[in-house]
């Protein structure tokens, strides 16, 4: 027997002063490495993350590590100022060390290579194609090598588009 339809998640207020109604949990999958119990978001956010992570997994065999989204009903989520209305997520970088792909917070040094930048650009581009994204925050020191990678492989139009 099928129950009544579930109400759609709804974001209210701002990312720093808001809440989430009927938050949708991002579901565990082989292509996701979920690191937080705060895994609720809007339908658009959860769908964009899962679709982009699944595509990257199919192409590269690497799961996407996702940390905090929002609490089920949103609201304050310390230590974050944001993550209140189900519209933002913390996603780790993918890093290639010459042999394996792993999650890393630091991409410089042994991870500073074309494969690392390809993996991360693929995710950044994919998430923007899957959802109406306003901002993606990237460590400032990663922007020049990421830009260099995109310009050398796809050209300036690709960089400007995303």
C-alpha atoms as a PDB file:
ATOM      1  CA  UNK A   1       0.000   0.000   0.000  1.00  0.00           C
ATOM      2  CA  UNK A   2       1.339   3.390  -0.975  1.00  0.00           C
ATOM      3  CA  UNK A   3       1.064   6.140   1.605  1.00  0.00           C
ATOM      4  CA  UNK A   4       0.148   9.750   1.022  1.00  0.00           C
ATOM      5  CA  UNK A   5       2.586  11.799  -1.053  1.00  0.00           C
ATOM      6  CA  UNK A   6       5.362  13.432   0.924  1.00  0.00           C
ATOM      7  CA  UNK A   7       5.525  17.234   0.838  1.00  0.00           C
ATOM      8  CA  UNK A   8       8.444  18.642  -1.118  1.00  0.00           C
ATOM      9  CA  UNK A   9      11.356  20.162   0.781  1.00  0.00           C
ATOM     10  CA  UNK A  10      11.110  23.913   1.018  1.00  0.00           C
ATOM     11  CA  UNK A  11      13.861  26.387   1.791  1.00  0.00           C
ATOM     12  CA  UNK A  12      12.818  29.355   3.928  1.00  0.00           C
ATOM     13  CA  UNK A  13      14.796  32.464   4.759  1.00  0.00           C
ATOM     14  CA  UNK A  14      18.454  32.878   3.930  1.00  0.00           C
ATOM     15  CA  UNK A  15      21.392  30.524   4.192  1.00  0.00           C
ATOM     16  CA  UNK A  16      22.479  32.350   7.384  1.00  0.00           C
ATOM     17  CA  UNK A  17      19.024  32.972   8.866  1.00  0.00           C
ATOM     18  CA  UNK A  18      16.631  30.339   7.666  1.00  0.00           C
ATOM     19  CA  UNK A  19      15.136  26.928   8.030  1.00  0.00           C
ATOM     20  CA  UNK A  20      14.152  23.937   5.957  1.00  0.00           C
ATOM     21  CA  UNK A  21      10.726  22.378   5.819  1.00  0.00           C
ATOM     22  CA  UNK A  22      10.433  18.681   4.980  1.00  0.00           C
ATOM     23  CA  UNK A  23      14.180  18.317   4.394  1.00  0.00           C
ATOM     24  CA  UNK A  24      15.172  15.529   2.005  1.00  0.00           C
ATOM     25  CA  UNK A  25      18.039  13.298   3.136  1.00  0.00           C
ATOM     26  CA  UNK A  26      20.810  12.502   0.705  1.00  0.00           C
ATOM     27  CA  UNK A  27      20.820   8.698   0.498  1.00  0.00           C
ATOM     28  CA  UNK A  28      23.874   6.529   0.965  1.00  0.00           C
ATOM     29  CA  UNK A  29      25.288   5.069  -2.255  1.00  0.00           C
ATOM     30  CA  UNK A  30      28.521   3.562  -3.581  1.00  0.00           C
ATOM     31  CA  UNK A  31      29.340   6.848  -5.300  1.00  0.00           C
ATOM     32  CA  UNK A  32      28.905   8.909  -2.117  1.00  0.00           C
ATOM     33  CA  UNK A  33      31.038   9.028   1.007  1.00  0.00           C
ATOM     34  CA  UNK A  34      28.725  10.708   3.518  1.00  0.00           C
ATOM     35  CA  UNK A  35      30.612  12.075   6.504  1.00  0.00           C
ATOM     36  CA  UNK A  36      27.849  13.822   8.447  1.00  0.00           C
ATOM     37  CA  UNK A  37      24.437  13.120   9.888  1.00  0.00           C
ATOM     38  CA  UNK A  38      23.457  16.622   8.797  1.00  0.00           C
ATOM     39  CA  UNK A  39      22.472  15.436   5.343  1.00  0.00           C
ATOM     40  CA  UNK A  40      19.243  17.247   4.513  1.00  0.00           C
ATOM     41  CA  UNK A  41      18.532  19.649   1.707  1.00  0.00           C
ATOM     42  CA  UNK A  42      16.104  20.730  -0.944  1.00  0.00           C
ATOM     43  CA  UNK A  43      15.189  18.410  -3.802  1.00  0.00           C
ATOM     44  CA  UNK A  44      17.354  20.454  -6.186  1.00  0.00           C
ATOM     45  CA  UNK A  45      20.451  20.311  -3.978  1.00  0.00           C
ATOM     46  CA  UNK A  46      20.173  16.608  -3.159  1.00  0.00           C
ATOM     47  CA  UNK A  47      19.476  15.699  -6.805  1.00  0.00           C
ATOM     48  CA  UNK A  48      22.344  17.834  -8.108  1.00  0.00           C
ATOM     49  CA  UNK A  49      24.819  16.335  -5.634  1.00  0.00           C
ATOM     50  CA  UNK A  50      23.785  12.746  -6.268  1.00  0.00           C
ATOM     51  CA  UNK A  51      23.637  13.098 -10.065  1.00  0.00           C
ATOM     52  CA  UNK A  52      27.023  14.819 -10.262  1.00  0.00           C
ATOM     53  CA  UNK A  53      28.645  12.375  -7.839  1.00  0.00           C
ATOM     54  CA  UNK A  54      27.204   9.379  -9.691  1.00  0.00           C
ATOM     55  CA  UNK A  55      28.473  10.670 -13.045  1.00  0.00           C
ATOM     56  CA  UNK A  56      31.953  11.309 -11.649  1.00  0.00           C
ATOM     57  CA  UNK A  57      31.970   7.824 -10.103  1.00  0.00           C
ATOM     58  CA  UNK A  58      30.997   6.222 -13.420  1.00  0.00           C
ATOM     59  CA  UNK A  59      33.693   8.153 -15.295  1.00  0.00           C
ATOM     60  CA  UNK A  60      36.525   8.064 -12.769  1.00  0.00           C
ATOM     61  CA  UNK A  61      35.629   5.416 -10.175  1.00  0.00           C
ATOM     62  CA  UNK A  62      35.937   7.846  -7.282  1.00  0.00           C
ATOM     63  CA  UNK A  63      33.199   8.459  -4.707  1.00  0.00           C
ATOM     64  CA  UNK A  64      32.406  12.051  -3.770  1.00  0.00           C
ATOM     65  CA  UNK A  65      32.920  12.928  -0.112  1.00  0.00           C
ATOM     66  CA  UNK A  66      30.093  15.049   1.240  1.00  0.00           C
ATOM     67  CA  UNK A  67      30.144  16.616   4.673  1.00  0.00           C
ATOM     68  CA  UNK A  68      27.453  18.914   6.110  1.00  0.00           C
ATOM     69  CA  UNK A  69      24.297  19.948   4.300  1.00  0.00           C
ATOM     70  CA  UNK A  70      21.596  21.044   6.774  1.00  0.00           C
ATOM     71  CA  UNK A  71      19.712  19.613   9.722  1.00  0.00           C
ATOM     72  CA  UNK A  72      16.348  18.026   8.877  1.00  0.00           C
ATOM     73  CA  UNK A  73      14.494  21.234   9.732  1.00  0.00           C
ATOM     74  CA  UNK A  74      17.387  23.573   9.004  1.00  0.00           C
ATOM     75  CA  UNK A  75      18.326  26.299  11.425  1.00  0.00           C
ATOM     76  CA  UNK A  76      21.672  26.925  13.042  1.00  0.00           C
ATOM     77  CA  UNK A  77      24.329  24.278  12.430  1.00  0.00           C
ATOM     78  CA  UNK A  78      27.477  25.070  14.367  1.00  0.00           C
ATOM     79  CA  UNK A  79      30.247  25.838  13.594  1.00  0.00           C
ATOM     80  CA  UNK A  80      28.753  27.058  10.307  1.00  0.00           C
ATOM     81  CA  UNK A  81      27.123  30.422   9.788  1.00  0.00           C
ATOM     82  CA  UNK A  82      25.362  29.016   6.742  1.00  0.00           C
ATOM     83  CA  UNK A  83      23.790  25.570   6.135  1.00  0.00           C
ATOM     84  CA  UNK A  84      20.495  26.800   7.573  1.00  0.00           C
ATOM     85  CA  UNK A  85      18.014  26.414   4.716  1.00  0.00           C
ATOM     86  CA  UNK A  86      19.017  23.290   2.793  1.00  0.00           C
ATOM     87  CA  UNK A  87      20.768  25.076  -0.063  1.00  0.00           C
ATOM     88  CA  UNK A  88      24.457  24.542   0.646  1.00  0.00           C
ATOM     89  CA  UNK A  89      26.808  21.612   1.078  1.00  0.00           C
ATOM     90  CA  UNK A  90      30.421  20.943   2.004  1.00  0.00           C
ATOM     91  CA  UNK A  91      32.116  18.731  -0.577  1.00  0.00           C
ATOM     92  CA  UNK A  92      35.744  17.602  -0.334  1.00  0.00           C
ATOM     93  CA  UNK A  93      38.216  17.890  -3.157  1.00  0.00           C
ATOM     94  CA  UNK A  94      39.313  14.797  -5.052  1.00  0.00           C
ATOM     95  CA  UNK A  95      43.076  14.365  -5.241  1.00  0.00           C
ATOM     96  CA  UNK A  96      45.215  12.068  -7.402  1.00  0.00           C
ATOM     97  CA  UNK A  97      48.637  11.106  -6.020  1.00  0.00           C
ATOM     98  CA  UNK A  98      49.894   9.319  -9.142  1.00  0.00           C
ATOM     99  CA  UNK A  99      48.394   5.973  -8.134  1.00  0.00           C
ATOM    100  CA  UNK A 100      45.036   6.451  -6.448  1.00  0.00           C
ATOM    101  CA  UNK A 101      42.331   9.051  -6.061  1.00  0.00           C
ATOM    102  CA  UNK A 102      41.425  10.101  -2.557  1.00  0.00           C
ATOM    103  CA  UNK A 103      39.756  12.917  -0.682  1.00  0.00           C
ATOM    104  CA  UNK A 104      42.032  15.714   0.370  1.00  0.00           C
ATOM    105  CA  UNK A 105      41.715  19.149   1.885  1.00  0.00           C
ATOM    106  CA  UNK A 106      45.063  20.174   0.365  1.00  0.00           C
ATOM    107  CA  UNK A 107      45.681  19.818  -3.359  1.00  0.00           C
ATOM    108  CA  UNK A 108      49.115  21.357  -3.631  1.00  0.00           C
ATOM    109  CA  UNK A 109      52.342  19.356  -3.654  1.00  0.00           C
ATOM    110  CA  UNK A 110      51.977  15.745  -4.767  1.00  0.00           C
ATOM    111  CA  UNK A 111      48.306  16.272  -5.691  1.00  0.00           C
ATOM    112  CA  UNK A 112      48.986  19.231  -7.984  1.00  0.00           C
ATOM    113  CA  UNK A 113      48.537  17.460 -11.318  1.00  0.00           C
ATOM    114  CA  UNK A 114      46.237  17.436 -14.312  1.00  0.00           C
ATOM    115  CA  UNK A 115      44.152  14.499 -13.075  1.00  0.00           C
ATOM    116  CA  UNK A 116      43.394  16.246  -9.770  1.00  0.00           C
ATOM    117  CA  UNK A 117      42.243  19.394 -11.550  1.00  0.00           C
ATOM    118  CA  UNK A 118      40.232  17.363 -14.076  1.00  0.00           C
ATOM    119  CA  UNK A 119      38.378  15.521 -11.304  1.00  0.00           C
ATOM    120  CA  UNK A 120      37.516  18.736  -9.494  1.00  0.00           C
ATOM    121  CA  UNK A 121      36.616  20.719 -12.599  1.00  0.00           C
ATOM    122  CA  UNK A 122      34.316  17.904 -13.678  1.00  0.00           C
ATOM    123  CA  UNK A 123      32.469  18.191 -10.367  1.00  0.00           C
ATOM    124  CA  UNK A 124      32.315  22.004 -10.392  1.00  0.00           C
ATOM    125  CA  UNK A 125      31.017  22.053 -13.958  1.00  0.00           C
ATOM    126  CA  UNK A 126      28.596  19.194 -13.346  1.00  0.00           C
ATOM    127  CA  UNK A 127      27.024  20.691 -10.246  1.00  0.00           C
ATOM    128  CA  UNK A 128      26.400  23.930 -12.136  1.00  0.00           C
ATOM    129  CA  UNK A 129      24.733  22.051 -14.976  1.00  0.00           C
ATOM    130  CA  UNK A 130      22.553  20.102 -12.534  1.00  0.00           C
ATOM    131  CA  UNK A 131      21.326  22.994 -10.370  1.00  0.00           C
ATOM    132  CA  UNK A 132      20.898  26.747 -10.244  1.00  0.00           C
ATOM    133  CA  UNK A 133      24.103  27.416  -8.326  1.00  0.00           C
ATOM    134  CA  UNK A 134      24.834  30.925  -7.054  1.00  0.00           C
ATOM    135  CA  UNK A 135      28.229  30.372  -5.434  1.00  0.00           C
ATOM    136  CA  UNK A 136      30.925  27.757  -5.246  1.00  0.00           C
ATOM    137  CA  UNK A 137      33.629  28.493  -2.721  1.00  0.00           C
ATOM    138  CA  UNK A 138      37.050  27.172  -3.686  1.00  0.00           C
ATOM    139  CA  UNK A 139      40.297  27.656  -1.806  1.00  0.00           C
ATOM    140  CA  UNK A 140      41.810  30.800  -3.371  1.00  0.00           C
ATOM    141  CA  UNK A 141      45.162  29.098  -3.965  1.00  0.00           C
ATOM    142  CA  UNK A 142      43.447  26.472  -6.167  1.00  0.00           C
ATOM    143  CA  UNK A 143      41.891  28.921  -8.602  1.00  0.00           C
ATOM    144  CA  UNK A 144      45.055  29.635 -10.683  1.00  0.00           C
ATOM    145  CA  UNK A 145      45.946  25.951 -11.326  1.00  0.00           C
ATOM    146  CA  UNK A 146      42.296  25.070 -11.917  1.00  0.00           C
ATOM    147  CA  UNK A 147      41.972  27.956 -14.372  1.00  0.00           C
ATOM    148  CA  UNK A 148      45.196  26.900 -16.096  1.00  0.00           C
ATOM    149  CA  UNK A 149      43.855  23.365 -16.474  1.00  0.00           C
ATOM    150  CA  UNK A 150      40.528  24.528 -17.922  1.00  0.00           C
ATOM    151  CA  UNK A 151      42.132  27.026 -20.312  1.00  0.00           C
ATOM    152  CA  UNK A 152      44.608  24.434 -21.591  1.00  0.00           C
ATOM    153  CA  UNK A 153      42.034  21.672 -22.087  1.00  0.00           C
ATOM    154  CA  UNK A 154      38.813  23.477 -22.976  1.00  0.00           C
ATOM    155  CA  UNK A 155      39.605  27.122 -23.658  1.00  0.00           C
ATOM    156  CA  UNK A 156      38.515  30.471 -22.264  1.00  0.00           C
ATOM    157  CA  UNK A 157      34.841  30.001 -23.183  1.00  0.00           C
ATOM    158  CA  UNK A 158      34.598  27.040 -20.803  1.00  0.00           C
ATOM    159  CA  UNK A 159      36.193  29.012 -17.959  1.00  0.00           C
ATOM    160  CA  UNK A 160      33.889  31.993 -18.525  1.00  0.00           C
ATOM    161  CA  UNK A 161      30.796  29.801 -18.776  1.00  0.00           C
ATOM    162  CA  UNK A 162      31.304  28.264 -15.346  1.00  0.00           C
END
